N, C-alpha and C. Protein backbone atom coordinates (compact mmCIF):
# COMPACT_ATOMS: atom_id res chain seq x y z
N MET A 1 0.78 -1.36 0.05
CA MET A 1 -0.12 -0.13 -0.01
C MET A 1 0.85 1.18 0.00
N LYS A 2 0.61 2.14 -0.68
CA LYS A 2 1.23 3.35 -0.93
C LYS A 2 0.47 4.49 -0.23
N VAL A 3 0.92 5.26 0.60
CA VAL A 3 0.42 6.55 1.33
C VAL A 3 1.11 7.53 1.14
N ASN A 4 0.79 8.91 0.61
CA ASN A 4 1.58 10.02 0.64
C ASN A 4 1.55 10.61 1.88
N CYS A 5 2.67 11.12 2.41
CA CYS A 5 2.64 11.81 3.81
C CYS A 5 3.58 12.91 3.69
N MET A 6 3.26 13.86 4.57
CA MET A 6 3.92 14.89 4.95
C MET A 6 4.69 15.12 6.07
N LYS A 7 5.90 15.50 6.31
CA LYS A 7 6.67 15.35 7.56
C LYS A 7 6.34 16.82 8.56
N LEU A 8 6.00 16.72 9.62
CA LEU A 8 5.83 17.90 10.44
C LEU A 8 6.85 18.06 11.49
N GLN A 9 7.07 19.33 12.12
CA GLN A 9 7.95 19.28 13.14
C GLN A 9 7.83 18.11 14.18
N GLY A 10 9.10 17.78 14.69
CA GLY A 10 8.97 16.55 15.68
C GLY A 10 9.10 15.27 14.95
N GLY A 11 9.30 15.29 13.70
CA GLY A 11 9.27 13.87 13.12
C GLY A 11 8.01 13.22 12.64
N VAL A 12 6.88 13.95 12.94
CA VAL A 12 5.50 13.39 12.85
C VAL A 12 5.05 13.23 11.39
N LEU A 13 4.72 12.13 10.91
CA LEU A 13 4.18 12.12 9.45
C LEU A 13 2.54 12.12 9.47
N ILE A 14 2.00 13.04 8.68
CA ILE A 14 0.77 12.97 8.40
C ILE A 14 0.21 12.67 6.95
N PRO A 15 -1.06 12.06 6.70
CA PRO A 15 -1.57 11.70 5.59
C PRO A 15 -1.44 13.20 4.56
N ALA A 16 -1.17 13.07 3.23
CA ALA A 16 -1.02 14.22 2.38
C ALA A 16 -2.34 14.55 1.98
N SER A 17 -3.36 13.73 2.11
CA SER A 17 -4.70 13.96 1.61
C SER A 17 -5.75 13.08 2.32
N ASP A 18 -7.00 13.47 1.95
CA ASP A 18 -8.10 12.75 2.67
C ASP A 18 -8.06 11.32 2.30
N ARG A 19 -7.96 11.17 0.99
CA ARG A 19 -7.51 9.82 0.26
C ARG A 19 -6.63 9.19 0.93
N ASP A 20 -5.45 9.53 1.40
CA ASP A 20 -4.40 8.73 2.15
C ASP A 20 -4.78 8.57 3.40
N GLU A 21 -5.50 9.38 4.00
CA GLU A 21 -5.84 9.36 5.47
C GLU A 21 -6.83 8.00 5.43
N ALA A 22 -7.58 7.96 4.39
CA ALA A 22 -8.60 6.83 4.48
C ALA A 22 -8.13 5.49 4.44
N LYS A 23 -6.73 5.40 3.75
CA LYS A 23 -6.10 4.27 3.59
C LYS A 23 -5.41 3.65 4.88
N LEU A 24 -5.21 4.79 5.92
CA LEU A 24 -4.57 4.49 6.96
C LEU A 24 -5.53 3.90 8.13
N THR A 25 -6.85 3.83 7.95
CA THR A 25 -7.83 3.54 9.00
C THR A 25 -7.78 1.95 9.24
N ARG A 26 -7.24 1.31 8.66
CA ARG A 26 -7.03 -0.11 8.79
C ARG A 26 -5.93 -0.55 9.83
N PHE A 27 -5.09 0.51 10.06
CA PHE A 27 -3.84 0.40 11.01
C PHE A 27 -4.34 0.70 12.45
N LYS A 28 -3.94 -0.07 13.31
CA LYS A 28 -4.36 0.20 14.64
C LYS A 28 -3.29 1.40 15.33
N THR A 29 -3.91 2.03 16.25
CA THR A 29 -2.93 3.02 16.80
C THR A 29 -2.18 2.31 17.97
N ASN A 30 -1.03 2.88 18.06
CA ASN A 30 0.03 2.36 19.01
C ASN A 30 0.42 0.86 18.61
N GLU A 31 0.48 0.71 17.37
CA GLU A 31 1.18 -0.47 16.86
C GLU A 31 2.34 -0.18 15.93
N GLN A 32 3.24 -1.15 15.86
CA GLN A 32 4.47 -0.77 15.20
C GLN A 32 4.22 -1.33 13.65
N TYR A 33 4.60 -0.50 12.77
CA TYR A 33 4.71 -0.80 11.33
C TYR A 33 5.96 -0.33 10.65
N GLU A 34 6.54 -1.31 9.68
CA GLU A 34 7.52 -0.87 8.96
C GLU A 34 7.17 -0.06 7.73
N ILE A 35 7.87 0.95 7.52
CA ILE A 35 7.53 1.70 6.21
C ILE A 35 8.85 2.14 5.37
N GLU A 36 8.55 2.14 4.22
CA GLU A 36 9.80 2.66 3.23
C GLU A 36 9.35 3.97 2.88
N ILE A 37 10.37 4.83 2.88
CA ILE A 37 10.19 6.29 2.71
C ILE A 37 10.83 6.73 1.32
N LYS A 38 10.21 7.31 0.48
CA LYS A 38 10.65 7.83 -0.71
C LYS A 38 10.42 9.20 -0.91
N LEU A 39 11.45 10.09 -1.29
CA LEU A 39 11.22 11.43 -1.42
C LEU A 39 10.61 11.85 -2.65
N THR A 40 9.53 12.66 -2.57
CA THR A 40 8.71 12.97 -3.72
C THR A 40 9.05 14.34 -4.17
N ARG A 41 8.50 14.76 -5.39
CA ARG A 41 8.83 16.13 -5.94
C ARG A 41 8.13 17.36 -5.02
N ASN A 42 8.20 18.57 -5.11
CA ASN A 42 7.76 19.55 -4.56
C ASN A 42 6.26 19.20 -4.02
N PRO A 43 6.21 19.07 -2.58
CA PRO A 43 4.90 18.51 -2.07
C PRO A 43 3.83 19.71 -2.34
N GLN A 44 4.08 20.71 -2.37
CA GLN A 44 2.96 21.83 -2.59
C GLN A 44 2.50 21.91 -4.10
N PHE A 45 3.49 21.73 -4.96
CA PHE A 45 3.04 21.45 -6.35
C PHE A 45 2.19 20.39 -6.47
N HIS A 46 2.97 19.07 -6.04
CA HIS A 46 2.27 17.89 -6.20
C HIS A 46 0.94 18.04 -5.67
N LYS A 47 0.65 18.49 -4.57
CA LYS A 47 -0.78 18.60 -3.92
C LYS A 47 -1.64 19.51 -4.79
N LYS A 48 -1.08 20.49 -5.43
CA LYS A 48 -1.96 21.26 -6.36
C LYS A 48 -2.29 20.58 -7.74
N VAL A 49 -1.37 19.74 -8.23
CA VAL A 49 -1.70 18.89 -9.24
C VAL A 49 -2.87 17.96 -8.89
N PHE A 50 -2.87 17.21 -7.63
CA PHE A 50 -3.79 16.25 -7.40
C PHE A 50 -4.98 16.88 -6.86
N SER A 51 -4.97 18.18 -6.39
CA SER A 51 -6.15 18.85 -6.03
C SER A 51 -6.83 19.33 -7.15
N PHE A 52 -6.21 19.52 -8.49
CA PHE A 52 -6.73 19.85 -9.80
C PHE A 52 -7.58 18.55 -10.13
N LEU A 53 -6.74 17.50 -10.15
CA LEU A 53 -7.24 16.27 -10.63
C LEU A 53 -8.62 15.85 -9.94
N ASN A 54 -8.50 16.04 -8.57
CA ASN A 54 -9.68 15.75 -7.78
C ASN A 54 -10.98 16.68 -7.99
N PHE A 55 -10.70 17.89 -8.34
CA PHE A 55 -11.59 19.05 -8.74
C PHE A 55 -12.29 18.51 -10.15
N CYS A 56 -11.44 18.03 -10.98
CA CYS A 56 -12.00 17.57 -12.36
C CYS A 56 -12.88 16.36 -12.16
N TYR A 57 -12.25 15.58 -11.35
CA TYR A 57 -13.12 14.21 -11.01
C TYR A 57 -14.49 14.59 -10.45
N GLU A 58 -14.40 15.44 -9.42
CA GLU A 58 -15.69 15.87 -8.85
C GLU A 58 -16.60 16.47 -9.97
N HIS A 59 -16.09 17.33 -10.56
CA HIS A 59 -16.95 17.92 -11.68
C HIS A 59 -17.47 16.95 -12.58
N TRP A 60 -16.85 15.98 -13.14
CA TRP A 60 -17.08 15.01 -14.02
C TRP A 60 -17.89 13.87 -13.21
N ASP A 61 -17.66 13.56 -12.12
CA ASP A 61 -18.23 12.28 -11.50
C ASP A 61 -19.84 12.14 -11.56
N GLY A 62 -20.41 13.33 -10.98
CA GLY A 62 -21.92 13.11 -10.95
C GLY A 62 -22.42 11.91 -10.37
N ASP A 63 -23.35 11.34 -11.03
CA ASP A 63 -24.05 10.08 -10.67
C ASP A 63 -23.57 8.82 -11.46
N ARG A 64 -22.73 9.28 -12.42
CA ARG A 64 -22.40 8.36 -13.55
C ARG A 64 -21.57 7.21 -12.84
N VAL A 65 -20.99 7.14 -11.85
CA VAL A 65 -19.95 6.15 -11.56
C VAL A 65 -20.48 5.44 -10.28
N LEU A 66 -21.67 5.84 -9.68
CA LEU A 66 -22.19 5.12 -8.60
C LEU A 66 -22.28 3.70 -8.74
N GLY A 67 -21.83 2.76 -8.02
CA GLY A 67 -22.16 1.51 -8.31
C GLY A 67 -21.24 0.60 -9.15
N HIS A 68 -20.17 1.45 -9.59
CA HIS A 68 -19.14 0.69 -10.42
C HIS A 68 -17.83 0.91 -9.80
N GLY A 69 -17.80 -0.07 -9.00
CA GLY A 69 -16.26 -0.34 -8.35
C GLY A 69 -16.13 0.88 -7.11
N THR A 70 -15.02 0.86 -6.50
CA THR A 70 -14.69 1.69 -5.59
C THR A 70 -14.37 3.12 -5.95
N PRO A 71 -14.62 4.21 -5.13
CA PRO A 71 -14.27 5.54 -5.42
C PRO A 71 -12.66 5.75 -5.88
N GLU A 72 -11.89 4.85 -5.16
CA GLU A 72 -10.51 4.95 -5.54
C GLU A 72 -10.33 4.75 -6.84
N ALA A 73 -10.73 3.39 -7.17
CA ALA A 73 -10.56 2.80 -8.36
C ALA A 73 -11.06 3.59 -9.50
N GLN A 74 -12.19 4.24 -9.22
CA GLN A 74 -12.87 5.23 -10.21
C GLN A 74 -11.92 6.42 -10.57
N PHE A 75 -11.41 6.92 -9.56
CA PHE A 75 -10.56 8.02 -9.50
C PHE A 75 -9.22 7.72 -10.34
N ASP A 76 -8.70 6.74 -10.08
CA ASP A 76 -7.48 6.23 -10.59
C ASP A 76 -7.58 5.97 -12.07
N ARG A 77 -8.70 5.42 -12.46
CA ARG A 77 -9.11 5.27 -14.07
C ARG A 77 -9.49 6.63 -14.70
N PHE A 78 -10.16 7.55 -13.93
CA PHE A 78 -10.29 8.90 -14.46
C PHE A 78 -8.91 9.64 -14.55
N ARG A 79 -7.96 9.44 -13.68
CA ARG A 79 -6.74 10.16 -13.67
C ARG A 79 -5.89 9.71 -14.92
N LYS A 80 -5.79 8.37 -14.92
CA LYS A 80 -5.14 7.65 -16.13
C LYS A 80 -5.74 8.22 -17.43
N ASP A 81 -6.97 8.25 -17.63
CA ASP A 81 -7.75 8.65 -18.72
C ASP A 81 -7.45 10.09 -19.17
N LEU A 82 -7.40 10.94 -18.15
CA LEU A 82 -7.06 12.35 -18.34
C LEU A 82 -5.56 12.53 -18.64
N THR A 83 -4.66 11.65 -18.17
CA THR A 83 -3.49 11.70 -18.63
C THR A 83 -3.11 11.34 -19.96
N ILE A 84 -3.85 10.33 -20.39
CA ILE A 84 -3.68 9.98 -21.76
C ILE A 84 -4.23 11.06 -22.76
N LEU A 85 -5.31 11.73 -22.39
CA LEU A 85 -5.88 12.88 -23.09
C LEU A 85 -4.89 13.94 -23.09
N ALA A 86 -3.97 14.18 -22.08
CA ALA A 86 -2.90 15.09 -22.12
C ALA A 86 -1.80 14.80 -22.93
N GLY A 87 -1.99 13.73 -23.45
CA GLY A 87 -0.47 13.15 -24.43
C GLY A 87 0.40 12.49 -23.48
N TYR A 88 0.40 12.10 -22.27
CA TYR A 88 1.20 11.43 -21.58
C TYR A 88 1.03 9.88 -21.50
N TYR A 89 1.35 9.16 -22.48
CA TYR A 89 1.03 7.75 -22.65
C TYR A 89 1.96 7.06 -23.37
N GLU A 90 1.99 5.67 -23.33
CA GLU A 90 2.73 4.84 -24.08
C GLU A 90 1.79 3.70 -24.74
N GLN A 91 2.20 3.39 -25.88
CA GLN A 91 1.32 2.52 -26.64
C GLN A 91 2.10 1.17 -26.78
N SER A 92 1.43 0.01 -26.65
CA SER A 92 2.19 -1.22 -27.33
C SER A 92 1.02 -1.99 -27.91
N ILE A 93 1.46 -2.95 -28.67
CA ILE A 93 0.61 -4.06 -29.40
C ILE A 93 0.39 -5.28 -28.60
N ARG A 94 -0.99 -5.74 -28.44
CA ARG A 94 -1.36 -6.68 -27.58
C ARG A 94 -1.25 -8.07 -28.53
N LEU A 95 -1.47 -9.11 -28.01
CA LEU A 95 -1.37 -10.37 -28.65
C LEU A 95 -2.33 -10.50 -29.85
N ASN A 96 -3.49 -9.92 -29.58
CA ASN A 96 -4.53 -9.99 -30.42
C ASN A 96 -4.44 -9.00 -31.61
N GLY A 97 -3.39 -8.13 -31.73
CA GLY A 97 -3.12 -6.98 -32.78
C GLY A 97 -3.88 -5.76 -32.25
N GLU A 98 -4.54 -5.67 -31.08
CA GLU A 98 -4.81 -4.41 -30.53
C GLU A 98 -4.01 -3.36 -30.27
N ILE A 99 -4.01 -2.25 -30.34
CA ILE A 99 -3.24 -1.36 -29.82
C ILE A 99 -3.70 -0.80 -28.22
N ARG A 100 -2.81 -0.82 -27.40
CA ARG A 100 -3.19 -0.62 -26.02
C ARG A 100 -2.52 0.52 -25.68
N THR A 101 -3.29 1.50 -25.12
CA THR A 101 -2.57 2.76 -24.56
C THR A 101 -2.51 2.99 -22.94
N GLU A 102 -1.52 3.04 -22.45
CA GLU A 102 -1.35 3.05 -21.11
C GLU A 102 -0.90 4.55 -20.72
N ALA A 103 -1.34 5.08 -19.53
CA ALA A 103 -1.04 6.46 -19.02
C ALA A 103 0.49 6.25 -18.69
N LYS A 104 1.36 7.31 -18.76
CA LYS A 104 2.65 7.22 -18.05
C LYS A 104 2.41 7.39 -16.48
N SER A 105 3.33 6.89 -15.94
CA SER A 105 3.46 7.08 -14.57
C SER A 105 3.49 8.57 -13.99
N LEU A 106 2.97 9.00 -13.11
CA LEU A 106 3.33 10.29 -12.62
C LEU A 106 4.06 10.25 -11.33
N SER A 107 4.66 9.12 -10.98
CA SER A 107 5.52 8.91 -9.75
C SER A 107 6.84 9.68 -9.89
N PHE A 108 7.48 10.12 -8.94
CA PHE A 108 8.65 10.80 -8.95
C PHE A 108 9.67 10.11 -9.61
N GLY A 109 9.82 8.81 -9.41
CA GLY A 109 10.93 8.05 -9.96
C GLY A 109 10.77 7.85 -11.56
N ASN A 110 9.53 8.09 -12.10
CA ASN A 110 9.32 8.03 -13.49
C ASN A 110 9.15 9.25 -14.14
N MET A 111 8.93 10.41 -13.57
CA MET A 111 8.88 11.53 -14.10
C MET A 111 9.52 12.68 -13.14
N LYS A 112 10.38 13.28 -14.12
CA LYS A 112 11.30 14.33 -13.70
C LYS A 112 10.52 15.62 -13.32
N PRO A 113 10.85 16.49 -12.37
CA PRO A 113 9.91 17.68 -12.06
C PRO A 113 9.62 18.48 -13.11
N GLU A 114 10.61 18.67 -13.97
CA GLU A 114 10.31 19.54 -15.31
C GLU A 114 9.24 18.85 -16.16
N GLU A 115 9.35 17.45 -16.38
CA GLU A 115 8.09 17.09 -17.06
C GLU A 115 6.79 16.88 -16.32
N PHE A 116 6.95 16.97 -15.05
CA PHE A 116 5.66 17.17 -14.24
C PHE A 116 5.03 18.48 -14.43
N GLU A 117 5.89 19.40 -14.45
CA GLU A 117 5.22 20.92 -14.73
C GLU A 117 4.71 20.95 -16.03
N GLU A 118 5.28 20.45 -17.01
CA GLU A 118 4.88 20.35 -18.35
C GLU A 118 3.56 19.42 -18.34
N PHE A 119 3.52 18.29 -17.70
CA PHE A 119 2.14 17.69 -17.48
C PHE A 119 1.09 18.32 -16.94
N TYR A 120 1.44 19.16 -16.06
CA TYR A 120 0.41 19.90 -15.36
C TYR A 120 -0.40 20.91 -16.53
N ILE A 121 0.42 21.50 -17.25
CA ILE A 121 -0.04 22.51 -18.35
C ILE A 121 -0.83 21.55 -19.24
N ALA A 122 -0.44 20.58 -19.60
CA ALA A 122 -0.94 19.65 -20.62
C ALA A 122 -2.37 19.19 -20.08
N VAL A 123 -2.41 18.62 -18.85
CA VAL A 123 -3.53 18.24 -18.42
C VAL A 123 -4.69 19.24 -17.91
N THR A 124 -4.07 20.51 -17.63
CA THR A 124 -5.22 21.68 -17.66
C THR A 124 -5.89 21.80 -18.84
N ASN A 125 -4.91 21.81 -19.91
CA ASN A 125 -5.62 22.18 -21.34
C ASN A 125 -6.70 20.98 -21.73
N ALA A 126 -5.97 19.71 -21.47
CA ALA A 126 -6.98 18.67 -21.66
C ALA A 126 -8.32 18.63 -20.98
N ALA A 127 -8.16 19.01 -19.67
CA ALA A 127 -9.44 19.10 -18.67
C ALA A 127 -10.47 20.26 -19.46
N CYS A 128 -9.94 21.49 -19.62
CA CYS A 128 -10.65 22.44 -20.24
C CYS A 128 -11.45 21.95 -21.37
N LYS A 129 -10.74 21.21 -22.29
CA LYS A 129 -11.27 20.74 -23.55
C LYS A 129 -12.29 19.59 -23.44
N HIS A 130 -11.96 18.81 -22.60
CA HIS A 130 -12.98 17.50 -22.24
C HIS A 130 -13.82 17.45 -21.40
N ILE A 131 -13.71 18.30 -20.16
CA ILE A 131 -14.49 18.21 -18.81
C ILE A 131 -15.20 19.47 -18.89
N PHE A 132 -14.41 20.77 -19.03
CA PHE A 132 -15.07 21.97 -18.65
C PHE A 132 -15.54 22.83 -19.81
N HIS A 133 -15.99 22.06 -20.80
CA HIS A 133 -16.22 22.62 -22.18
C HIS A 133 -17.74 23.45 -21.99
N THR A 134 -18.51 23.12 -21.01
CA THR A 134 -19.63 23.70 -20.70
C THR A 134 -19.73 23.51 -18.92
N THR A 135 -19.74 24.84 -18.39
CA THR A 135 -19.70 24.73 -16.97
C THR A 135 -20.43 26.38 -16.39
N ASP A 136 -20.72 26.16 -15.39
CA ASP A 136 -21.52 27.36 -14.83
C ASP A 136 -20.23 28.22 -14.12
N GLU A 137 -20.84 29.49 -13.77
CA GLU A 137 -19.79 30.63 -13.41
C GLU A 137 -19.06 30.02 -12.12
N ALA A 138 -19.71 29.64 -11.02
CA ALA A 138 -19.11 29.05 -9.97
C ALA A 138 -17.88 28.21 -10.13
N THR A 139 -18.23 27.23 -10.84
CA THR A 139 -17.27 26.16 -11.42
C THR A 139 -16.02 26.83 -12.25
N TYR A 140 -16.47 27.62 -13.14
CA TYR A 140 -15.23 28.45 -13.90
C TYR A 140 -14.47 29.35 -12.87
N ASN A 141 -14.88 30.05 -11.78
CA ASN A 141 -14.41 30.54 -10.96
C ASN A 141 -13.28 29.66 -10.29
N LYS A 142 -13.79 28.63 -9.75
CA LYS A 142 -12.82 27.66 -9.05
C LYS A 142 -11.77 27.25 -10.02
N LEU A 143 -12.16 26.85 -11.47
CA LEU A 143 -11.32 26.28 -12.28
C LEU A 143 -10.08 27.26 -12.44
N ILE A 144 -10.41 28.70 -12.57
CA ILE A 144 -9.57 29.69 -12.81
C ILE A 144 -8.39 29.91 -11.63
N GLY A 145 -8.87 29.58 -10.26
CA GLY A 145 -8.07 29.56 -9.33
C GLY A 145 -7.01 28.42 -9.42
N PHE A 146 -6.72 27.56 -10.37
CA PHE A 146 -5.82 26.65 -10.49
C PHE A 146 -4.76 26.99 -11.48
N PHE A 147 -5.07 28.05 -11.97
CA PHE A 147 -4.06 28.84 -13.02
C PHE A 147 -3.23 29.83 -12.43
């Protein structure tokens, strides 16, 4: 299980988002766990990108995805589809001859900070084109806040 955390003073680690906090509910308080820590990119920028992706998902979501898997799985598929629409994908040929399109990984180890910044620009453009093409004034004002 991967959980994004932020370090506070005194060595305290806290979940970086509500989604990460929900993942930790299965662990008992005052129990010992072994964790592996990896340094991620600029945490504020990373948080901004995923806040934008969550905002897009909430705007798109509506009642369409209820009853079709977990919210986490739905968000993950949505994020991958939006990543593909932004042009960050790899293609391969399957055994049956079909072309398979896979979203590139957004992880720190697979995407350099400069590429992640370029991705943010591309994904905002893709979201404006495919998700926010019709929107009300309140949503538009929230959307502008990400630029």
